[in-house]
Amino acid sequence: MEQAKEIQELKELVAHYEKVIHNMSAPIIPSIVPNTILVPIAGFIFRDRFETIRSKVLEYAEKHRETERVIFDFTGVRMEDVETFDYNELATELSQLNSALKLMGLRPIYVGFNPRFVREIVHAGIQVELEVYTTFRAALKNLLTETERSLSSL
């Protein structure tokens, strides 16, 4: 009986940690640029994680209708985090994420792709239309310039 109780406690602990990992897989951070959020992505990338990211961002946008732009920062993703991922599948996931956000009226922006990661996608002949900047800072600088221009034209 003691062993069954211990197994049940371990199952509950695993379920708890799975929930913690799920919640941490796509944090959403309001940006300094108005109506813009940041979604930092670090660690392993897989299909279910893209689904979680897509769902969380769409739910956030539904609750925060003023959101116009979403910056996905892949700086924390290392090559070993995507080595087991099929690059065609990865391109498909990025494309689906992009399409879903655009259908919600959001402007998806991507930053921090690893050069080897980009090389592999290009080498595989995969075409993905994304707005990309090398760094989060470069994206913010561009958005701030755009925001200032649009505010001054009012």
Protein backbone atom coordinates (compact mmCIF):
# COMPACT_ATOMS: atom_id res chain seq x y z
CA MET A 1 0.00 0.00 0.00
CA GLU A 2 2.88 2.36 0.79
CA GLN A 3 4.33 1.90 -2.71
CA ALA A 4 0.99 2.75 -4.37
CA LYS A 5 0.78 5.97 -2.33
CA GLU A 6 4.35 6.90 -3.29
CA ILE A 7 3.60 6.26 -6.98
CA GLN A 8 0.48 8.44 -6.76
CA GLU A 9 2.47 11.27 -5.12
CA LEU A 10 5.12 11.04 -7.84
CA LYS A 11 2.43 11.17 -10.53
CA GLU A 12 0.97 14.28 -8.93
CA LEU A 13 4.43 15.86 -8.74
CA VAL A 14 5.09 15.12 -12.42
CA ALA A 15 1.69 16.61 -13.34
CA HIS A 16 2.53 19.72 -11.31
CA TYR A 17 5.89 20.17 -13.05
CA GLU A 18 4.32 19.57 -16.46
CA LYS A 19 1.90 22.40 -15.70
CA VAL A 20 4.77 24.67 -14.58
CA ILE A 21 6.71 23.91 -17.77
CA HIS A 22 3.61 24.50 -19.89
CA ASN A 23 3.02 27.89 -18.27
CA MET A 24 6.65 28.92 -18.73
CA SER A 25 6.83 27.78 -22.36
CA ALA A 26 5.45 31.06 -23.73
CA PRO A 27 5.62 33.98 -21.33
CA ILE A 28 4.02 37.17 -22.65
CA ILE A 29 5.68 40.45 -21.69
CA PRO A 30 4.26 43.89 -22.53
CA SER A 31 6.84 45.95 -24.43
CA ILE A 32 8.03 49.54 -24.10
CA VAL A 33 6.53 50.08 -27.56
CA PRO A 34 2.78 50.71 -27.22
CA ASN A 35 0.47 47.83 -28.22
CA THR A 36 3.41 45.45 -28.59
CA ILE A 37 4.16 42.27 -26.65
CA LEU A 38 7.31 40.16 -26.42
CA VAL A 39 7.28 36.37 -26.36
CA PRO A 40 10.76 35.09 -25.46
CA ILE A 41 11.37 31.53 -26.58
CA ALA A 42 14.15 29.45 -25.08
CA GLY A 43 14.89 25.76 -24.91
CA PHE A 44 13.56 22.86 -26.92
CA ILE A 45 11.15 23.55 -29.75
CA PHE A 46 8.55 20.98 -30.78
CA ARG A 47 5.09 20.92 -32.37
CA ASP A 48 3.11 20.95 -29.11
CA ARG A 49 5.11 23.93 -27.90
CA PHE A 50 4.25 25.89 -31.06
CA GLU A 51 0.59 25.05 -30.45
CA THR A 52 0.90 26.34 -26.87
CA ILE A 53 2.60 29.53 -28.05
CA ARG A 54 -0.04 30.10 -30.73
CA SER A 55 -2.91 29.50 -28.29
CA LYS A 56 -1.49 31.68 -25.51
CA VAL A 57 -0.78 34.61 -27.84
CA LEU A 58 -4.21 34.41 -29.48
CA GLU A 59 -5.92 34.23 -26.08
CA TYR A 60 -3.89 37.20 -24.88
CA ALA A 61 -4.80 39.20 -28.01
CA GLU A 62 -8.47 38.39 -27.47
CA LYS A 63 -8.35 39.78 -23.93
CA HIS A 64 -6.08 42.72 -24.83
CA ARG A 65 -7.61 44.04 -28.06
CA GLU A 66 -5.17 46.95 -28.17
CA THR A 67 -2.33 44.54 -29.00
CA GLU A 68 -1.09 45.11 -32.55
CA ARG A 69 2.37 43.54 -32.69
CA VAL A 70 3.97 40.38 -31.32
CA ILE A 71 7.74 40.00 -31.19
CA PHE A 72 8.99 36.43 -30.87
CA ASP A 73 12.55 36.35 -29.57
CA PHE A 74 14.38 33.13 -30.47
CA THR A 75 17.71 34.30 -29.00
CA GLY A 76 17.47 31.66 -26.25
CA VAL A 77 17.06 28.77 -28.71
CA ARG A 78 20.32 26.91 -29.30
CA MET A 79 21.02 24.59 -32.22
CA GLU A 80 20.79 21.52 -30.00
CA ASP A 81 17.29 22.68 -29.04
CA VAL A 82 16.09 22.25 -32.63
CA GLU A 83 18.36 19.46 -33.91
CA THR A 84 15.65 16.82 -33.56
CA PHE A 85 13.07 19.06 -35.26
CA ASP A 86 12.47 18.55 -38.97
CA TYR A 87 13.20 21.91 -40.64
CA ASN A 88 10.27 21.52 -43.02
CA GLU A 89 8.00 20.98 -40.04
CA LEU A 90 9.58 23.94 -38.26
CA ALA A 91 8.97 26.17 -41.28
CA THR A 92 5.37 24.94 -41.43
CA GLU A 93 4.87 25.74 -37.73
CA LEU A 94 6.33 29.24 -38.18
CA SER A 95 4.12 29.79 -41.22
CA GLN A 96 0.99 28.64 -39.35
CA LEU A 97 1.88 30.84 -36.37
CA ASN A 98 2.37 33.78 -38.73
CA SER A 99 -0.95 33.15 -40.53
CA ALA A 100 -2.95 32.75 -37.33
CA LEU A 101 -1.64 36.00 -35.91
CA LYS A 102 -2.26 37.91 -39.13
CA LEU A 103 -5.85 36.63 -39.21
CA MET A 104 -6.27 38.18 -35.74
CA GLY A 105 -4.94 41.47 -37.10
CA LEU A 106 -1.59 41.13 -35.35
CA ARG A 107 1.80 41.86 -36.87
CA PRO A 108 4.20 39.01 -36.04
CA ILE A 109 7.90 39.91 -35.83
CA TYR A 110 10.72 37.44 -35.27
CA VAL A 111 14.16 38.13 -33.81
CA GLY A 112 17.25 36.26 -32.73
CA PHE A 113 17.35 33.33 -35.14
CA ASN A 114 20.58 31.35 -34.87
CA PRO A 115 22.67 31.67 -38.10
CA ARG A 116 23.03 27.89 -38.42
CA PHE A 117 19.29 27.48 -37.95
CA VAL A 118 18.67 29.98 -40.79
CA ARG A 119 21.27 28.26 -42.98
CA GLU A 120 19.56 24.89 -42.50
CA ILE A 121 16.15 26.29 -43.45
CA VAL A 122 17.57 28.02 -46.53
CA HIS A 123 19.62 24.94 -47.47
CA ALA A 124 16.47 22.82 -47.27
CA GLY A 125 14.88 25.18 -49.81
CA ILE A 126 12.10 26.20 -47.46
CA GLN A 127 10.32 29.48 -48.20
CA VAL A 128 8.86 31.30 -45.21
CA GLU A 129 7.69 34.91 -45.40
CA LEU A 130 8.48 36.45 -42.01
CA GLU A 131 9.38 39.92 -40.76
CA VAL A 132 12.74 39.31 -39.10
CA TYR A 133 15.34 41.39 -37.26
CA THR A 134 18.68 40.27 -35.94
CA THR A 135 17.99 41.40 -32.38
CA PHE A 136 15.14 42.45 -30.13
CA ARG A 137 16.78 45.86 -29.84
CA ALA A 138 16.79 46.33 -33.63
CA ALA A 139 13.10 45.42 -33.83
CA LEU A 140 12.20 47.82 -31.01
CA LYS A 141 14.24 50.61 -32.56
CA ASN A 142 12.40 50.16 -35.87
CA LEU A 143 9.00 50.01 -34.16
CA LEU A 144 9.72 53.11 -32.09
CA THR A 145 10.70 54.98 -35.26
CA GLU A 146 7.48 53.83 -36.96
CA THR A 147 5.41 54.77 -33.91
CA GLU A 148 6.95 58.26 -33.76
CA ARG A 149 6.27 58.77 -37.48
CA SER A 150 2.65 57.68 -37.18
CA LEU A 151 2.09 59.80 -34.06
CA SER A 152 3.60 62.90 -35.69
CA SER A 153 1.32 62.53 -38.71
CA LEU A 154 -1.83 62.74 -36.53
